[in-house]
Amino acid sequence: MGQTARTVSDAPRGATISLTHQFLAPVRIGDLVTMTPRVTKMTSRIVFLDGSVCVGDDPVVTAQGVWRITHTT
């Protein structure tokens, strides 16, 4: 999610302000896990995201986060 915040804002740096998650189901060793992040709001300094972590089509974790992005190095 942090990488997505930096990518969509074209910012070289970012810091997590808040990150919450809810476990929905267990993941077994060897399962392929994918994350689908979604930007819900973006300002000049803050990016809000949510996302689902899935094994196949089955969600195993949902998450919500807020990132502070920095456009200067």
PDB file of N, CA and C in Angstrom:
ATOM      1  N   MET A   1       0.824  -1.181   0.000  1.00  0.00           N
ATOM      2  CA  MET A   1       0.000   0.000   0.000  1.00  0.00           C
ATOM      3  C   MET A   1       0.878   1.257   0.000  1.00  0.00           C
ATOM      4  N   GLY A   2       1.975   1.212   0.735  1.00  0.00           N
ATOM      5  CA  GLY A   2       2.890   2.347   0.751  1.00  0.00           C
ATOM      6  C   GLY A   2       3.487   2.601  -0.620  1.00  0.00           C
ATOM      7  N   GLN A   3       3.861   1.525  -1.312  1.00  0.00           N
ATOM      8  CA  GLN A   3       4.392   1.665  -2.668  1.00  0.00           C
ATOM      9  C   GLN A   3       3.331   2.258  -3.595  1.00  0.00           C
ATOM     10  N   THR A   4       2.102   1.845  -3.458  1.00  0.00           N
ATOM     11  CA  THR A   4       1.019   2.393  -4.273  1.00  0.00           C
ATOM     12  C   THR A   4       0.848   3.884  -3.991  1.00  0.00           C
ATOM     13  N   ALA A   5       0.910   4.290  -2.722  1.00  0.00           N
ATOM     14  CA  ALA A   5       0.788   5.711  -2.376  1.00  0.00           C
ATOM     15  C   ALA A   5       1.874   6.534  -3.059  1.00  0.00           C
ATOM     16  N   ARG A   6       3.116   6.029  -3.055  1.00  0.00           N
ATOM     17  CA  ARG A   6       4.210   6.757  -3.692  1.00  0.00           C
ATOM     18  C   ARG A   6       4.062   6.755  -5.210  1.00  0.00           C
ATOM     19  N   THR A   7       3.624   5.647  -5.773  1.00  0.00           N
ATOM     20  CA  THR A   7       3.497   5.548  -7.223  1.00  0.00           C
ATOM     21  C   THR A   7       2.419   6.486  -7.765  1.00  0.00           C
ATOM     22  N   VAL A   8       1.235   6.477  -7.164  1.00  0.00           N
ATOM     23  CA  VAL A   8       0.135   7.299  -7.689  1.00  0.00           C
ATOM     24  C   VAL A   8       0.386   8.791  -7.492  1.00  0.00           C
ATOM     25  N   SER A   9       1.188   9.153  -6.484  1.00  0.00           N
ATOM     26  CA  SER A   9       1.469  10.565  -6.211  1.00  0.00           C
ATOM     27  C   SER A   9       2.787  11.022  -6.823  1.00  0.00           C
ATOM     28  N   ASP A  10       3.545  10.088  -7.403  1.00  0.00           N
ATOM     29  CA  ASP A  10       4.863  10.366  -7.966  1.00  0.00           C
ATOM     30  C   ASP A  10       5.794  10.968  -6.915  1.00  0.00           C
ATOM     31  N   ALA A  11       5.678  10.487  -5.689  1.00  0.00           N
ATOM     32  CA  ALA A  11       6.497  10.977  -4.576  1.00  0.00           C
ATOM     33  C   ALA A  11       7.628   9.980  -4.301  1.00  0.00           C
ATOM     34  N   PRO A  12       8.842  10.484  -4.077  1.00  0.00           N
ATOM     35  CA  PRO A  12       9.949   9.577  -3.806  1.00  0.00           C
ATOM     36  C   PRO A  12       9.939   8.976  -2.404  1.00  0.00           C
ATOM     37  N   ARG A  13       9.214   9.621  -1.479  1.00  0.00           N
ATOM     38  CA  ARG A  13       9.202   9.150  -0.099  1.00  0.00           C
ATOM     39  C   ARG A  13       7.795   9.183   0.467  1.00  0.00           C
ATOM     40  N   GLY A  14       7.578   8.342   1.458  1.00  0.00           N
ATOM     41  CA  GLY A  14       6.294   8.331   2.144  1.00  0.00           C
ATOM     42  C   GLY A  14       6.444   7.699   3.511  1.00  0.00           C
ATOM     43  N   ALA A  15       5.525   8.015   4.391  1.00  0.00           N
ATOM     44  CA  ALA A  15       5.538   7.445   5.743  1.00  0.00           C
ATOM     45  C   ALA A  15       4.120   7.035   6.112  1.00  0.00           C
ATOM     46  N   THR A  16       4.021   5.911   6.797  1.00  0.00           N
ATOM     47  CA  THR A  16       2.721   5.414   7.237  1.00  0.00           C
ATOM     48  C   THR A  16       2.224   6.247   8.410  1.00  0.00           C
ATOM     49  N   ILE A  17       1.032   6.798   8.268  1.00  0.00           N
ATOM     50  CA  ILE A  17       0.385   7.520   9.370  1.00  0.00           C
ATOM     51  C   ILE A  17      -0.478   6.539  10.161  1.00  0.00           C
ATOM     52  N   SER A  18      -1.222   5.717   9.435  1.00  0.00           N
ATOM     53  CA  SER A  18      -2.134   4.775  10.077  1.00  0.00           C
ATOM     54  C   SER A  18      -2.267   3.542   9.194  1.00  0.00           C
ATOM     55  N   LEU A  19      -2.339   2.368   9.822  1.00  0.00           N
ATOM     56  CA  LEU A  19      -2.570   1.135   9.079  1.00  0.00           C
ATOM     57  C   LEU A  19      -3.331   0.176   9.986  1.00  0.00           C
ATOM     58  N   THR A  20      -4.521  -0.208   9.556  1.00  0.00           N
ATOM     59  CA  THR A  20      -5.315  -1.176  10.300  1.00  0.00           C
ATOM     60  C   THR A  20      -5.656  -2.343   9.374  1.00  0.00           C
ATOM     61  N   HIS A  21      -5.860  -3.493   9.960  1.00  0.00           N
ATOM     62  CA  HIS A  21      -6.209  -4.655   9.157  1.00  0.00           C
ATOM     63  C   HIS A  21      -7.099  -5.591   9.967  1.00  0.00           C
ATOM     64  N   GLN A  22      -7.839  -6.388   9.232  1.00  0.00           N
ATOM     65  CA  GLN A  22      -8.732  -7.370   9.816  1.00  0.00           C
ATOM     66  C   GLN A  22      -8.446  -8.711   9.155  1.00  0.00           C
ATOM     67  N   PHE A  23      -8.131  -9.710   9.975  1.00  0.00           N
ATOM     68  CA  PHE A  23      -7.913 -11.060   9.455  1.00  0.00           C
ATOM     69  C   PHE A  23      -9.271 -11.733   9.262  1.00  0.00           C
ATOM     70  N   LEU A  24      -9.468 -12.293   8.085  1.00  0.00           N
ATOM     71  CA  LEU A  24     -10.743 -12.926   7.759  1.00  0.00           C
ATOM     72  C   LEU A  24     -10.648 -14.451   7.702  1.00  0.00           C
ATOM     73  N   ALA A  25      -9.485 -14.952   7.296  1.00  0.00           N
ATOM     74  CA  ALA A  25      -9.309 -16.403   7.152  1.00  0.00           C
ATOM     75  C   ALA A  25      -7.821 -16.721   7.214  1.00  0.00           C
ATOM     76  N   PRO A  26      -7.478 -17.952   7.583  1.00  0.00           N
ATOM     77  CA  PRO A  26      -6.059 -18.314   7.632  1.00  0.00           C
ATOM     78  C   PRO A  26      -5.468 -18.507   6.235  1.00  0.00           C
ATOM     79  N   VAL A  27      -4.154 -18.380   6.155  1.00  0.00           N
ATOM     80  CA  VAL A  27      -3.404 -18.648   4.929  1.00  0.00           C
ATOM     81  C   VAL A  27      -2.499 -19.837   5.212  1.00  0.00           C
ATOM     82  N   ARG A  28      -2.465 -20.767   4.287  1.00  0.00           N
ATOM     83  CA  ARG A  28      -1.630 -21.957   4.458  1.00  0.00           C
ATOM     84  C   ARG A  28      -0.257 -21.719   3.824  1.00  0.00           C
ATOM     85  N   ILE A  29       0.758 -22.359   4.376  1.00  0.00           N
ATOM     86  CA  ILE A  29       2.093 -22.295   3.783  1.00  0.00           C
ATOM     87  C   ILE A  29       2.004 -22.785   2.349  1.00  0.00           C
ATOM     88  N   GLY A  30       2.561 -22.011   1.438  1.00  0.00           N
ATOM     89  CA  GLY A  30       2.543 -22.370   0.021  1.00  0.00           C
ATOM     90  C   GLY A  30       1.446 -21.677  -0.774  1.00  0.00           C
ATOM     91  N   ASP A  31       0.462 -21.064  -0.089  1.00  0.00           N
ATOM     92  CA  ASP A  31      -0.591 -20.332  -0.795  1.00  0.00           C
ATOM     93  C   ASP A  31      -0.016 -19.097  -1.484  1.00  0.00           C
ATOM     94  N   LEU A  32      -0.488 -18.804  -2.667  1.00  0.00           N
ATOM     95  CA  LEU A  32      -0.135 -17.569  -3.358  1.00  0.00           C
ATOM     96  C   LEU A  32      -1.065 -16.473  -2.858  1.00  0.00           C
ATOM     97  N   VAL A  33      -0.487 -15.437  -2.278  1.00  0.00           N
ATOM     98  CA  VAL A  33      -1.258 -14.340  -1.692  1.00  0.00           C
ATOM     99  C   VAL A  33      -1.074 -13.107  -2.559  1.00  0.00           C
ATOM    100  N   THR A  34      -2.178 -12.458  -2.922  1.00  0.00           N
ATOM    101  CA  THR A  34      -2.107 -11.233  -3.715  1.00  0.00           C
ATOM    102  C   THR A  34      -2.805 -10.100  -2.975  1.00  0.00           C
ATOM    103  N   MET A  35      -2.316  -8.876  -3.210  1.00  0.00           N
ATOM    104  CA  MET A  35      -2.890  -7.687  -2.578  1.00  0.00           C
ATOM    105  C   MET A  35      -3.406  -6.771  -3.669  1.00  0.00           C
ATOM    106  N   THR A  36      -4.622  -6.279  -3.503  1.00  0.00           N
ATOM    107  CA  THR A  36      -5.192  -5.327  -4.445  1.00  0.00           C
ATOM    108  C   THR A  36      -5.466  -4.020  -3.708  1.00  0.00           C
ATOM    109  N   PRO A  37      -4.532  -3.041  -3.803  1.00  0.00           N
ATOM    110  CA  PRO A  37      -4.752  -1.762  -3.132  1.00  0.00           C
ATOM    111  C   PRO A  37      -5.643  -0.848  -3.973  1.00  0.00           C
ATOM    112  N   ARG A  38      -6.340   0.057  -3.284  1.00  0.00           N
ATOM    113  CA  ARG A  38      -7.222   1.008  -3.971  1.00  0.00           C
ATOM    114  C   ARG A  38      -7.101   2.358  -3.268  1.00  0.00           C
ATOM    115  N   VAL A  39      -6.795   3.394  -4.051  1.00  0.00           N
ATOM    116  CA  VAL A  39      -6.734   4.742  -3.503  1.00  0.00           C
ATOM    117  C   VAL A  39      -8.167   5.237  -3.335  1.00  0.00           C
ATOM    118  N   THR A  40      -8.511   5.650  -2.112  1.00  0.00           N
ATOM    119  CA  THR A  40      -9.866   6.145  -1.859  1.00  0.00           C
ATOM    120  C   THR A  40      -9.933   7.669  -1.843  1.00  0.00           C
ATOM    121  N   LYS A  41      -8.780   8.309  -1.540  1.00  0.00           N
ATOM    122  CA  LYS A  41      -8.704   9.770  -1.554  1.00  0.00           C
ATOM    123  C   LYS A  41      -7.236  10.156  -1.598  1.00  0.00           C
ATOM    124  N   MET A  42      -6.946  11.279  -2.271  1.00  0.00           N
ATOM    125  CA  MET A  42      -5.575  11.754  -2.322  1.00  0.00           C
ATOM    126  C   MET A  42      -5.563  13.275  -2.276  1.00  0.00           C
ATOM    127  N   THR A  43      -4.724  13.821  -1.405  1.00  0.00           N
ATOM    128  CA  THR A  43      -4.494  15.263  -1.365  1.00  0.00           C
ATOM    129  C   THR A  43      -3.043  15.499  -1.768  1.00  0.00           C
ATOM    130  N   SER A  44      -2.565  16.719  -1.663  1.00  0.00           N
ATOM    131  CA  SER A  44      -1.182  16.997  -2.055  1.00  0.00           C
ATOM    132  C   SER A  44      -0.172  16.349  -1.111  1.00  0.00           C
ATOM    133  N   ARG A  45      -0.582  15.994   0.119  1.00  0.00           N
ATOM    134  CA  ARG A  45       0.341  15.419   1.088  1.00  0.00           C
ATOM    135  C   ARG A  45      -0.079  14.078   1.684  1.00  0.00           C
ATOM    136  N   ILE A  46      -1.333  13.707   1.506  1.00  0.00           N
ATOM    137  CA  ILE A  46      -1.869  12.513   2.157  1.00  0.00           C
ATOM    138  C   ILE A  46      -2.551  11.618   1.123  1.00  0.00           C
ATOM    139  N   VAL A  47      -2.321  10.309   1.248  1.00  0.00           N
ATOM    140  CA  VAL A  47      -3.001   9.328   0.392  1.00  0.00           C
ATOM    141  C   VAL A  47      -3.714   8.326   1.300  1.00  0.00           C
ATOM    142  N   PHE A  48      -4.995   8.120   1.048  1.00  0.00           N
ATOM    143  CA  PHE A  48      -5.825   7.160   1.785  1.00  0.00           C
ATOM    144  C   PHE A  48      -6.040   5.955   0.887  1.00  0.00           C
ATOM    145  N   LEU A  49      -5.838   4.761   1.436  1.00  0.00           N
ATOM    146  CA  LEU A  49      -6.002   3.535   0.655  1.00  0.00           C
ATOM    147  C   LEU A  49      -6.761   2.492   1.450  1.00  0.00           C
ATOM    148  N   ASP A  50      -7.363   1.575   0.722  1.00  0.00           N
ATOM    149  CA  ASP A  50      -7.854   0.350   1.332  1.00  0.00           C
ATOM    150  C   ASP A  50      -7.482  -0.787   0.400  1.00  0.00           C
ATOM    151  N   GLY A  51      -7.632  -1.989   0.863  1.00  0.00           N
ATOM    152  CA  GLY A  51      -7.256  -3.102   0.009  1.00  0.00           C
ATOM    153  C   GLY A  51      -7.681  -4.430   0.586  1.00  0.00           C
ATOM    154  N   SER A  52      -7.606  -5.419  -0.269  1.00  0.00           N
ATOM    155  CA  SER A  52      -7.919  -6.796   0.109  1.00  0.00           C
ATOM    156  C   SER A  52      -6.736  -7.685  -0.227  1.00  0.00           C
ATOM    157  N   VAL A  53      -6.446  -8.574   0.684  1.00  0.00           N
ATOM    158  CA  VAL A  53      -5.445  -9.607   0.462  1.00  0.00           C
ATOM    159  C   VAL A  53      -6.228 -10.887   0.202  1.00  0.00           C
ATOM    160  N   CYS A  54      -5.897 -11.562  -0.891  1.00  0.00           N
ATOM    161  CA  CYS A  54      -6.673 -12.744  -1.282  1.00  0.00           C
ATOM    162  C   CYS A  54      -5.786 -13.931  -1.573  1.00  0.00           C
ATOM    163  N   VAL A  55      -6.334 -15.109  -1.371  1.00  0.00           N
ATOM    164  CA  VAL A  55      -5.788 -16.366  -1.865  1.00  0.00           C
ATOM    165  C   VAL A  55      -6.784 -16.819  -2.915  1.00  0.00           C
ATOM    166  N   GLY A  56      -6.363 -16.765  -4.165  1.00  0.00           N
ATOM    167  CA  GLY A  56      -7.313 -16.993  -5.255  1.00  0.00           C
ATOM    168  C   GLY A  56      -8.353 -15.879  -5.235  1.00  0.00           C
ATOM    169  N   ASP A  57      -9.618 -16.238  -5.195  1.00  0.00           N
ATOM    170  CA  ASP A  57     -10.700 -15.248  -5.117  1.00  0.00           C
ATOM    171  C   ASP A  57     -11.188 -15.030  -3.690  1.00  0.00           C
ATOM    172  N   ASP A  58     -10.573 -15.716  -2.728  1.00  0.00           N
ATOM    173  CA  ASP A  58     -11.039 -15.653  -1.344  1.00  0.00           C
ATOM    174  C   ASP A  58     -10.272 -14.594  -0.545  1.00  0.00           C
ATOM    175  N   PRO A  59     -10.976 -13.580  -0.022  1.00  0.00           N
ATOM    176  CA  PRO A  59     -10.287 -12.583   0.807  1.00  0.00           C
ATOM    177  C   PRO A  59      -9.860 -13.196   2.144  1.00  0.00           C
ATOM    178  N   VAL A  60      -8.628 -12.883   2.549  1.00  0.00           N
ATOM    179  CA  VAL A  60      -8.115 -13.377   3.828  1.00  0.00           C
ATOM    180  C   VAL A  60      -7.785 -12.236   4.791  1.00  0.00           C
ATOM    181  N   VAL A  61      -7.577 -11.030   4.246  1.00  0.00           N
ATOM    182  CA  VAL A  61      -7.305  -9.844   5.063  1.00  0.00           C
ATOM    183  C   VAL A  61      -7.878  -8.635   4.341  1.00  0.00           C
ATOM    184  N   THR A  62      -8.468  -7.712   5.089  1.00  0.00           N
ATOM    185  CA  THR A  62      -8.789  -6.396   4.545  1.00  0.00           C
ATOM    186  C   THR A  62      -7.963  -5.384   5.324  1.00  0.00           C
ATOM    187  N   ALA A  63      -7.611  -4.278   4.661  1.00  0.00           N
ATOM    188  CA  ALA A  63      -6.751  -3.285   5.305  1.00  0.00           C
ATOM    189  C   ALA A  63      -7.137  -1.880   4.874  1.00  0.00           C
ATOM    190  N   GLN A  64      -6.870  -0.926   5.763  1.00  0.00           N
ATOM    191  CA  GLN A  64      -7.083   0.486   5.488  1.00  0.00           C
ATOM    192  C   GLN A  64      -5.843   1.225   5.987  1.00  0.00           C
ATOM    193  N   GLY A  65      -5.377   2.199   5.190  1.00  0.00           N
ATOM    194  CA  GLY A  65      -4.183   2.917   5.605  1.00  0.00           C
ATOM    195  C   GLY A  65      -4.164   4.343   5.106  1.00  0.00           C
ATOM    196  N   VAL A  66      -3.330   5.136   5.780  1.00  0.00           N
ATOM    197  CA  VAL A  66      -3.122   6.537   5.415  1.00  0.00           C
ATOM    198  C   VAL A  66      -1.623   6.760   5.336  1.00  0.00           C
ATOM    199  N   TRP A  67      -1.155   7.370   4.232  1.00  0.00           N
ATOM    200  CA  TRP A  67       0.255   7.640   4.037  1.00  0.00           C
ATOM    201  C   TRP A  67       0.503   9.119   3.810  1.00  0.00           C
ATOM    202  N   ARG A  68       1.548   9.643   4.428  1.00  0.00           N
ATOM    203  CA  ARG A  68       2.025  11.012   4.210  1.00  0.00           C
ATOM    204  C   ARG A  68       3.112  10.911   3.163  1.00  0.00           C
ATOM    205  N   ILE A  69       2.963  11.645   2.062  1.00  0.00           N
ATOM    206  CA  ILE A  69       3.940  11.581   0.989  1.00  0.00           C
ATOM    207  C   ILE A  69       4.761  12.867   0.968  1.00  0.00           C
ATOM    208  N   THR A  70       5.994  12.747   0.503  1.00  0.00           N
ATOM    209  CA  THR A  70       6.914  13.875   0.427  1.00  0.00           C
ATOM    210  C   THR A  70       7.430  13.987  -0.982  1.00  0.00           C
ATOM    211  N   HIS A  71       7.287  15.159  -1.581  1.00  0.00           N
ATOM    212  CA  HIS A  71       7.716  15.366  -2.967  1.00  0.00           C
ATOM    213  C   HIS A  71       9.142  15.863  -3.071  1.00  0.00           C
ATOM    214  N   THR A  72       9.790  16.186  -1.945  1.00  0.00           N
ATOM    215  CA  THR A  72      11.194  16.612  -1.984  1.00  0.00           C
ATOM    216  C   THR A  72      12.056  15.522  -1.412  1.00  0.00           C
ATOM    217  N   THR A  73      13.305  15.474  -1.839  1.00  0.00           N
ATOM    218  CA  THR A  73      14.201  14.437  -1.341  1.00  0.00           C
ATOM    219  C   THR A  73      15.059  14.930  -0.213  1.00  0.00           C
TER     220      THR A  73
END
